[in-house]
Protein backbone atom coordinates (compact mmCIF):
# COMPACT_ATOMS: atom_id res chain seq x y z
CA UNK A 1 92.75 104.28 86.42
CA UNK A 2 92.64 103.03 90.03
CA UNK A 3 95.11 105.53 91.13
CA UNK A 4 92.77 108.26 89.77
CA UNK A 5 89.70 106.88 91.43
CA UNK A 6 91.72 106.61 94.67
CA UNK A 7 92.55 110.32 94.33
CA UNK A 8 88.82 111.13 93.58
CA UNK A 9 87.72 109.30 96.61
CA UNK A 10 90.12 110.93 99.07
CA UNK A 11 89.70 114.47 97.49
CA UNK A 12 85.89 114.13 97.68
CA UNK A 13 85.77 113.01 101.26
CA UNK A 14 88.34 115.68 102.33
CA UNK A 15 86.56 118.47 100.60
CA UNK A 16 82.93 117.64 101.64
CA UNK A 17 83.91 116.69 105.41
CA UNK A 18 85.83 120.03 105.66
CA UNK A 19 83.42 122.26 103.99
CA UNK A 20 80.42 120.78 105.80
CA UNK A 21 82.04 120.85 108.97
CA UNK A 22 83.09 124.54 108.55
CA UNK A 23 79.39 125.34 107.59
CA UNK A 24 78.07 123.41 110.73
CA UNK A 25 80.59 125.26 112.99
CA UNK A 26 79.27 128.44 111.73
CA UNK A 27 75.75 127.53 113.02
CA UNK A 28 77.40 126.11 116.30
CA UNK A 29 79.61 129.13 117.16
CA UNK A 30 76.77 131.72 116.76
CA UNK A 31 74.18 129.51 118.54
CA UNK A 32 76.48 129.12 121.49
CA UNK A 33 77.24 132.84 121.60
CA UNK A 34 73.41 133.73 121.49
CA UNK A 35 72.60 131.34 124.38
CA UNK A 36 71.01 128.51 122.41
CA UNK A 37 71.45 125.05 123.94
CA UNK A 38 73.48 122.95 121.75
CA UNK A 39 73.13 119.14 122.30
CA UNK A 40 75.66 117.78 119.80
CA UNK A 41 78.24 118.98 117.36
CA UNK A 42 79.17 115.97 115.03
CA UNK A 43 81.94 115.85 112.42
CA UNK A 44 80.69 113.08 110.22
CA UNK A 45 77.53 110.94 110.40
CA UNK A 46 76.63 107.45 111.95
CA UNK A 47 78.07 105.73 114.71
CA UNK A 48 80.48 107.73 116.91
CA UNK A 49 84.21 106.72 116.88
CA UNK A 50 85.06 109.35 119.44
CA UNK A 51 83.07 111.31 121.77
CA UNK A 52 83.64 114.05 124.34
CA UNK A 53 81.15 115.54 126.78
CA UNK A 54 81.35 119.39 127.14
CA UNK A 55 81.26 121.35 130.50
CA UNK A 56 78.04 122.11 132.54
CA UNK A 57 75.39 123.33 132.16
CA UNK A 58 74.91 122.20 128.49
CA UNK A 59 76.93 119.07 128.43
CA UNK A 60 77.35 119.36 124.73
CA UNK A 61 78.40 116.17 122.78
CA UNK A 62 81.47 116.64 120.58
CA UNK A 63 81.48 113.76 118.18
CA UNK A 64 83.57 112.34 115.47
CA UNK A 65 81.53 109.72 113.69
CA UNK A 66 82.17 106.91 111.38
CA UNK A 67 80.95 108.27 107.94
CA UNK A 68 83.26 111.27 107.09
CA UNK A 69 80.86 113.15 104.71
CA UNK A 70 79.94 116.18 106.65
CA UNK A 71 78.57 116.79 109.93
CA UNK A 72 75.59 118.58 111.95
CA UNK A 73 74.59 120.54 114.80
CA UNK A 74 71.66 119.30 117.02
CA UNK A 75 70.07 122.14 119.11
CA UNK A 76 67.53 121.71 121.63
CA UNK A 77 64.21 122.09 120.00
CA UNK A 78 60.69 121.62 121.51
CA UNK A 79 59.51 120.56 118.11
CA UNK A 80 61.57 117.41 118.43
CA UNK A 81 60.17 116.48 121.92
CA UNK A 82 59.37 117.58 125.49
CA UNK A 83 61.77 120.10 126.81
CA UNK A 84 62.41 120.49 130.74
CA UNK A 85 60.96 123.90 131.89
CA UNK A 86 64.27 125.17 132.88
CA UNK A 87 65.75 124.68 129.44
CA UNK A 88 62.73 126.00 127.50
CA UNK A 89 64.00 129.67 127.19
CA UNK A 90 67.19 128.24 125.40
CA UNK A 91 65.23 125.93 123.02
CA UNK A 92 65.49 126.96 119.38
CA UNK A 93 61.84 127.82 118.77
CA UNK A 94 61.61 129.91 121.91
CA UNK A 95 64.44 132.14 121.04
CA UNK A 96 63.57 135.47 119.23
CA UNK A 97 63.27 135.21 115.44
CA UNK A 98 66.21 137.53 114.64
CA UNK A 99 68.37 135.34 116.66
CA UNK A 100 67.24 132.22 114.89
CA UNK A 101 67.82 133.97 111.71
CA UNK A 102 71.48 134.92 112.69
CA UNK A 103 72.18 131.29 113.71
CA UNK A 104 70.79 129.99 110.10
CA UNK A 105 72.94 132.73 108.29
CA UNK A 106 75.85 131.64 110.27
CA UNK A 107 76.55 128.44 108.35
CA UNK A 108 76.68 130.11 104.75
CA UNK A 109 78.46 133.00 106.24
CA UNK A 110 81.31 130.58 107.68
CA UNK A 111 81.65 129.00 104.19
CA UNK A 112 82.21 132.63 102.63
CA UNK A 113 84.60 133.54 105.41
CA UNK A 114 86.48 130.37 104.82
CA UNK A 115 86.72 130.89 101.04
CA UNK A 116 87.95 134.59 101.65
CA UNK A 117 90.65 133.44 104.04
CA UNK A 118 91.97 130.65 101.82
CA UNK A 119 91.90 132.91 98.81
CA UNK A 120 93.74 135.60 100.92
CA UNK A 121 96.38 132.99 101.76
CA UNK A 122 96.82 132.00 98.30
CA UNK A 123 97.07 135.63 97.17
CA UNK A 124 99.71 136.48 99.81
CA UNK A 125 101.91 133.30 98.93
CA UNK A 126 101.41 134.41 95.09
CA UNK A 127 99.99 130.68 94.71
CA UNK A 128 97.13 131.82 92.31
CA UNK A 129 98.58 131.80 88.67
CA UNK A 130 96.15 133.35 86.28
CA UNK A 131 96.79 133.60 82.63
CA UNK A 132 96.49 136.88 80.50
CA UNK A 133 93.20 136.59 78.28
CA UNK A 134 95.14 136.33 74.98
CA UNK A 135 93.66 134.76 72.02
CA UNK A 136 95.51 131.75 70.43
CA UNK A 137 93.52 130.67 67.55
CA UNK A 138 90.51 132.11 65.69
CA UNK A 139 88.55 129.69 63.38
CA UNK A 140 88.08 130.99 59.78
CA UNK A 141 84.37 131.94 59.24
CA UNK A 142 83.56 131.98 63.03
CA UNK A 143 81.62 134.95 64.69
CA UNK A 144 84.84 135.91 66.11
CA UNK A 145 86.54 136.09 62.96
CA UNK A 146 83.64 137.94 61.31
CA UNK A 147 83.88 140.53 64.27
CA UNK A 148 87.42 141.02 63.68
CA UNK A 149 89.19 139.08 66.56
CA UNK A 150 92.59 138.11 65.75
CA UNK A 151 95.35 135.47 67.11
CA UNK A 152 97.42 137.37 69.65
CA UNK A 153 94.68 139.96 70.69
CA UNK A 154 94.60 140.52 74.54
CA UNK A 155 90.98 141.11 75.67
CA UNK A 156 90.94 144.12 78.09
CA UNK A 157 87.30 144.63 78.50
CA UNK A 158 83.91 142.91 77.77
CA UNK A 159 80.68 145.05 77.71
CA UNK A 160 82.53 147.81 79.46
CA UNK A 161 83.82 145.65 82.32
CA UNK A 162 87.60 145.47 82.84
CA UNK A 163 89.08 142.01 82.33
CA UNK A 164 92.19 141.02 84.27
CA UNK A 165 92.73 137.37 83.37
CA UNK A 166 91.42 134.37 81.47
CA UNK A 167 88.87 133.49 84.21
CA UNK A 168 87.43 136.93 84.07
CA UNK A 169 87.22 136.73 80.29
CA UNK A 170 85.42 133.30 80.37
CA UNK A 171 82.94 134.51 83.24
CA UNK A 172 82.01 137.74 81.37
CA UNK A 173 81.55 135.96 77.96
CA UNK A 174 79.03 133.43 79.63
CA UNK A 175 77.27 136.48 81.30
CA UNK A 176 76.92 138.45 77.97
CA UNK A 177 76.01 135.57 75.83
CA UNK A 178 73.41 134.16 78.40
CA UNK A 179 72.03 137.56 78.98
CA UNK A 180 71.12 139.14 75.42
CA UNK A 181 73.82 137.77 73.43
CA UNK A 182 75.45 141.09 72.64
CA UNK A 183 79.12 141.10 73.28
CA UNK A 184 81.32 144.27 73.06
CA UNK A 185 85.03 143.67 73.13
CA UNK A 186 87.84 145.99 73.82
CA UNK A 187 91.18 144.29 72.66
CA UNK A 188 94.86 145.17 72.16
CA UNK A 189 96.59 143.48 69.12
CA UNK A 190 100.28 142.32 69.05
CA UNK A 191 100.99 145.58 67.48
CA UNK A 192 99.91 147.23 70.59
CA UNK A 193 96.89 149.05 68.93
CA UNK A 194 93.58 148.89 70.71
CA UNK A 195 90.33 148.15 69.01
CA UNK A 196 86.71 147.92 69.74
CA UNK A 197 84.80 144.79 68.44
CA UNK A 198 81.24 143.49 68.65
CA UNK A 199 79.61 140.25 68.03
CA UNK A 200 76.10 139.24 68.63
CA UNK A 201 74.32 135.89 69.30
CA UNK A 202 70.60 136.40 68.42
CA UNK A 203 69.03 133.00 68.56
CA UNK A 204 67.96 132.00 72.11
CA UNK A 205 68.51 128.20 71.60
CA UNK A 206 72.04 129.06 70.32
CA UNK A 207 72.80 131.14 73.35
CA UNK A 208 71.67 128.53 75.55
CA UNK A 209 73.65 125.90 73.74
CA UNK A 210 76.88 128.00 74.30
CA UNK A 211 76.52 127.93 77.97
CA UNK A 212 76.90 124.24 78.12
CA UNK A 213 80.32 123.37 79.50
CA UNK A 214 83.25 123.75 77.19
CA UNK A 215 80.99 125.17 74.37
CA UNK A 216 81.37 129.06 74.73
CA UNK A 217 84.90 129.41 72.97
CA UNK A 218 84.12 126.59 70.26
CA UNK A 219 80.71 128.20 69.47
CA UNK A 220 82.20 131.71 69.18
CA UNK A 221 85.11 130.39 67.20
CA UNK A 222 88.38 130.93 69.09
CA UNK A 223 90.62 129.38 71.75
CA UNK A 224 92.54 131.23 74.45
CA UNK A 225 96.26 130.84 74.29
CA UNK A 226 97.69 127.89 76.08
CA UNK A 227 101.31 126.98 77.04
CA UNK A 228 103.00 124.32 75.08
CA UNK A 229 103.29 121.37 77.56
CA UNK A 230 105.93 118.65 76.70
CA UNK A 231 104.73 115.02 76.07
CA UNK A 232 106.28 113.97 79.23
CA UNK A 233 105.00 110.79 80.83
CA UNK A 234 104.39 111.49 84.49
CA UNK A 235 102.60 108.12 85.40
CA UNK A 236 101.87 104.84 83.76
CA UNK A 237 98.80 102.85 84.53
CA UNK A 238 99.48 99.33 85.42
CA UNK A 239 98.43 96.70 82.63
CA UNK A 240 97.96 99.41 80.15
CA UNK A 241 99.35 99.62 76.66
CA UNK A 242 102.19 101.90 77.69
CA UNK A 243 103.40 99.67 80.55
CA UNK A 244 103.26 96.59 78.26
CA UNK A 245 105.47 98.35 75.85
CA UNK A 246 108.04 99.18 78.56
CA UNK A 247 107.46 103.07 78.82
CA UNK A 248 108.12 104.51 82.14
CA UNK A 249 107.59 107.74 84.14
CA UNK A 250 109.98 110.35 83.01
CA UNK A 251 110.01 109.28 79.28
CA UNK A 252 109.57 111.96 76.62
CA UNK A 253 107.37 111.09 73.65
CA UNK A 254 109.09 112.63 70.64
CA UNK A 255 107.31 110.79 67.83
CA UNK A 256 104.26 108.63 66.92
CA UNK A 257 104.55 106.43 63.78
CA UNK A 258 107.37 108.56 62.76
CA UNK A 259 105.57 111.88 63.20
CA UNK A 260 107.17 114.53 65.31
CA UNK A 261 105.24 115.31 68.73
CA UNK A 262 105.52 118.76 69.82
CA UNK A 263 103.58 118.56 73.02
CA UNK A 264 101.28 116.67 74.93
CA UNK A 265 98.16 117.86 72.99
CA UNK A 266 99.81 116.47 69.89
CA UNK A 267 100.05 113.06 71.59
CA UNK A 268 96.46 113.09 73.13
CA UNK A 269 94.96 114.05 69.64
CA UNK A 270 96.89 111.35 67.62
CA UNK A 271 96.20 108.66 70.06
CA UNK A 272 92.55 109.49 70.80
CA UNK A 273 91.85 109.54 66.97
CA UNK A 274 93.20 105.70 66.79
CA UNK A 275 91.44 103.26 69.04
CA UNK A 276 92.51 99.66 68.94
CA UNK A 277 95.46 100.58 66.62
CA UNK A 278 99.08 99.52 66.62
CA UNK A 279 101.45 102.33 66.79
CA UNK A 280 105.14 103.00 66.95
CA UNK A 281 106.00 105.24 69.83
CA UNK A 282 109.43 106.81 70.02
CA UNK A 283 110.57 108.21 73.29
CA UNK A 284 113.70 109.83 74.81
CA UNK A 285 114.92 108.45 78.10
CA UNK A 286 118.20 109.61 79.70
CA UNK A 287 119.34 111.29 76.55
CA UNK A 288 118.88 108.28 74.35
CA UNK A 289 116.04 107.62 71.84
CA UNK A 290 114.23 104.30 71.17
CA UNK A 291 110.97 103.09 69.76
CA UNK A 292 108.34 100.54 70.97
CA UNK A 293 105.17 99.19 69.13
CA UNK A 294 101.95 99.06 71.17
CA UNK A 295 98.31 98.53 70.59
CA UNK A 296 96.13 101.31 71.75
CA UNK A 297 93.24 100.53 74.19
CA UNK A 298 89.56 101.60 73.38
CA UNK A 299 87.64 103.96 75.60
CA UNK A 300 84.38 105.79 75.26
CA UNK A 301 84.06 109.68 75.29
CA UNK A 302 80.96 111.78 74.48
CA UNK A 303 79.61 108.79 72.69
CA UNK A 304 82.53 108.06 70.54
CA UNK A 305 85.38 105.58 70.56
CA UNK A 306 88.66 107.05 71.30
CA UNK A 307 92.15 105.52 71.64
CA UNK A 308 94.38 105.38 74.89
CA UNK A 309 97.70 104.22 75.95
CA UNK A 310 96.81 104.75 79.67
CA UNK A 311 99.55 107.48 80.67
CA UNK A 312 99.35 110.76 82.44
CA UNK A 313 101.17 113.79 81.33
CA UNK A 314 102.44 116.71 83.55
CA UNK A 315 99.78 117.82 86.24
CA UNK A 316 101.68 121.12 87.06
CA UNK A 317 101.03 123.09 83.99
CA UNK A 318 101.89 126.56 85.60
CA UNK A 319 105.56 125.85 85.24
CA UNK A 320 105.23 125.84 81.52
CA UNK A 321 103.63 129.31 81.41
CA UNK A 322 106.02 132.04 80.56
CA UNK A 323 106.37 134.98 83.13
CA UNK A 324 105.08 137.50 80.56
CA UNK A 325 101.78 135.62 80.27
CA UNK A 326 101.07 135.36 83.98
CA UNK A 327 98.89 137.78 85.84
CA UNK A 328 100.70 138.37 89.38
CA UNK A 329 98.53 138.94 92.54
CA UNK A 330 99.84 141.52 95.05
CA UNK A 331 101.39 140.12 98.06
CA UNK A 332 100.67 143.14 100.23
CA UNK A 333 98.61 142.04 103.10
CA UNK A 334 95.49 144.57 102.55
CA UNK A 335 95.74 144.40 98.91
CA UNK A 336 95.54 140.55 99.01
CA UNK A 337 92.55 140.64 101.31
CA UNK A 338 90.74 143.06 98.97
CA UNK A 339 91.43 140.85 96.06
CA UNK A 340 90.11 137.75 97.97
CA UNK A 341 86.99 139.58 98.80
CA UNK A 342 86.48 140.84 95.21
CA UNK A 343 86.95 137.42 93.75
CA UNK A 344 84.54 135.79 96.15
CA UNK A 345 81.99 138.48 95.59
CA UNK A 346 82.32 138.05 91.61
CA UNK A 347 82.13 134.17 91.85
CA UNK A 348 79.12 134.32 94.11
CA UNK A 349 77.08 137.00 91.99
CA UNK A 350 78.17 134.82 88.93
CA UNK A 351 76.50 131.73 90.60
CA UNK A 352 73.35 133.74 91.49
CA UNK A 353 72.92 135.09 87.79
CA UNK A 354 73.54 131.85 86.16
CA UNK A 355 71.19 129.88 88.56
CA UNK A 356 68.52 132.40 87.81
CA UNK A 357 68.92 131.91 84.20
CA UNK A 358 68.95 128.26 84.30
CA UNK A 359 65.38 128.67 86.08
CA UNK A 360 64.21 130.97 83.26
CA UNK A 361 65.61 128.78 80.38
CA UNK A 362 68.43 131.21 79.46
CA UNK A 363 71.26 128.98 80.68
CA UNK A 364 71.82 125.28 80.15
CA UNK A 365 71.34 122.93 83.07
CA UNK A 366 73.99 120.67 81.85
CA UNK A 367 76.36 122.64 84.22
CA UNK A 368 74.83 121.33 87.27
CA UNK A 369 77.30 118.75 88.73
CA UNK A 370 76.74 115.84 91.28
CA UNK A 371 78.99 113.90 93.44
CA UNK A 372 80.60 112.04 90.54
CA UNK A 373 81.68 115.02 88.85
CA UNK A 374 82.85 116.75 92.23
CA UNK A 375 84.75 113.70 93.04
CA UNK A 376 86.43 113.88 89.58
CA UNK A 377 87.44 117.61 90.14
CA UNK A 378 88.70 117.05 93.68
CA UNK A 379 90.72 114.07 92.46
CA UNK A 380 92.22 116.18 89.89
CA UNK A 381 92.91 119.06 92.05
CA UNK A 382 94.36 116.97 94.68
CA UNK A 383 96.65 115.12 92.38
CA UNK A 384 97.73 118.42 90.90
CA UNK A 385 98.99 119.89 94.13
CA UNK A 386 97.75 121.73 97.33
CA UNK A 387 97.31 125.09 95.52
CA UNK A 388 94.84 123.66 93.04
CA UNK A 389 92.92 121.72 95.65
CA UNK A 390 92.79 124.71 97.93
CA UNK A 391 91.28 126.76 95.02
CA UNK A 392 88.72 124.15 94.47
CA UNK A 393 87.80 124.28 98.06
CA UNK A 394 87.20 128.04 97.55
CA UNK A 395 84.76 127.28 94.76
CA UNK A 396 82.98 124.47 96.50
CA UNK A 397 82.70 126.52 99.70
CA UNK A 398 81.08 129.51 97.86
CA UNK A 399 78.81 127.09 95.95
CA UNK A 400 77.66 125.50 99.38
CA UNK A 401 76.89 128.82 100.88
CA UNK A 402 74.93 129.95 97.74
CA UNK A 403 73.07 126.75 97.71
CA UNK A 404 72.16 126.87 101.38
CA UNK A 405 70.79 130.52 100.97
CA UNK A 406 68.30 129.47 98.29
CA UNK A 407 64.58 129.98 99.77
CA UNK A 408 63.97 126.30 99.65
CA UNK A 409 62.25 125.07 103.02
CA UNK A 410 64.62 122.29 103.51
CA UNK A 411 67.84 124.56 103.47
CA UNK A 412 68.94 127.46 105.57
CA UNK A 413 67.47 129.90 103.27
CA UNK A 414 63.92 128.40 103.41
CA UNK A 415 64.26 128.26 107.22
CA UNK A 416 65.31 132.08 107.26
CA UNK A 417 62.05 132.80 105.23
CA UNK A 418 59.87 130.84 107.81
CA UNK A 419 61.58 132.81 110.79
CA UNK A 420 61.01 136.13 109.06
CA UNK A 421 57.37 135.03 108.34
CA UNK A 422 56.94 134.39 112.08
CA UNK A 423 58.74 137.69 112.94
CA UNK A 424 56.34 139.70 110.58
CA UNK A 425 53.33 137.57 111.96
CA UNK A 426 54.28 137.95 115.61
CA UNK A 427 53.65 134.37 116.13
CA UNK A 428 54.62 130.78 115.13
CA UNK A 429 53.32 129.37 111.92
CA UNK A 430 51.07 126.42 111.85
CA UNK A 431 52.54 122.84 111.52
CA UNK A 432 50.90 122.39 108.27
CA UNK A 433 52.70 125.33 106.98
CA UNK A 434 56.08 123.79 107.81
CA UNK A 435 55.16 120.39 106.80
CA UNK A 436 54.07 121.44 103.18
CA UNK A 437 57.08 123.65 102.82
CA UNK A 438 59.42 120.92 103.70
CA UNK A 439 57.77 118.54 101.41
CA UNK A 440 58.02 121.01 98.52
CA UNK A 441 61.59 121.90 99.29
CA UNK A 442 62.39 118.08 99.46
CA UNK A 443 60.76 117.68 96.04
CA UNK A 444 62.76 120.45 94.50
CA UNK A 445 66.00 119.14 96.03
CA UNK A 446 65.26 115.63 94.82
CA UNK A 447 64.65 116.91 91.08
CA UNK A 448 67.92 119.07 91.37
CA UNK A 449 69.83 116.20 92.75
CA UNK A 450 68.37 113.84 90.05
CA UNK A 451 69.46 116.34 87.33
CA UNK A 452 72.89 116.50 88.62
CA UNK A 453 73.25 112.67 88.87
CA UNK A 454 71.84 112.38 85.30
CA UNK A 455 74.38 115.06 83.87
CA UNK A 456 77.06 113.08 85.80
CA UNK A 457 76.18 109.73 84.24
CA UNK A 458 75.82 111.22 80.85
CA UNK A 459 79.28 112.60 81.03
CA UNK A 460 80.58 109.33 82.38
CA UNK A 461 78.91 107.16 79.67
CA UNK A 462 79.39 109.61 76.85
CA UNK A 463 75.77 110.32 76.12
CA UNK A 464 74.24 113.64 75.48
CA UNK A 465 71.73 115.25 77.80
């Protein structure tokens, strides 16, 4: 557990520091190019641990601060105090509104460019492994079964939109269900015959329930195909049941209480269902098999007690996906760039749709995550390897860009609205307008952050939200 917490902390700090610094560098670079006077560019917050003074005439301070959770750009602004007459033309509020808008747009734009460049590199290196959208199991009597979906079907299109991989399928299913609930599927069966299927979720509360994390496939009654991952122990937590029983990294679990274990999911399901239970674990080590008794630990998950033996299985699951189930990306330079732009656009549009539907009640708010969940995701991705972590950075960077473009006064989007209003009016807005706007924006952000933290704690403590 302590190892996982360590990965989470390191992953979170690296992700937040890098992405916020990219964001602020966008503001900094455009501000300098347009002639704004920048007083400080800081990586991190708090007391400076390194500082360099730039050249005349600006003498910009370049700072690395003690708290590595982002950064900021401080520009000369007459609203912060008196400005020398010779510097007044370069102060923020004295610049033309269109230039201020460009500076404000530059932060989110930098995050989008960063995401596209990272995706481009991943596509060029063929480091993004997507899986074909093939159905694994269909639950008898479910909506999917009634519609005629079968195990082995490959989804070709959803509501007329082409589906290339499992990620596409998941996004489009969420889009269709959270919109009007009508889902039109074009599939190809194991026999190569293509079919058109239709299913409908008419009840609004049911549709919203299906948009909760992990509910869409379960609610529709199917699972996507997953590779069989061996029950190989990759790490053993100190002081846990597995270590006390003498199990080591590299051991392969082949049986539990005499019942064969065919993969890691068999192991997880069997152990989770038996908290505080003595069991016989049979493992294979260096070609020889032996058995050990252990007493499972008890943990909480979703309000229920589960058993644990405190081990980790394989993190690099991609190597267990057969080539015929992989969706390959092109290594051609321009084709990879086009794919990176398309994917970034798809993810950004999806965020916008789902966020709007949250506001209008058509999408569950349980998907809003706070720093605890982000730290968990970052830790898991960092532990899984650089490719997974880089892809998480892409997702977080696009999310940061989208969030900052919302028309909330305390964010870049809200400030852009203020500058546009000044441009249209032909003069500055009143101090009261700015003050009221900032207060409203702060209240909205506090509520949003409160919801995110509540969701995080609910997941952590295993309660429903």
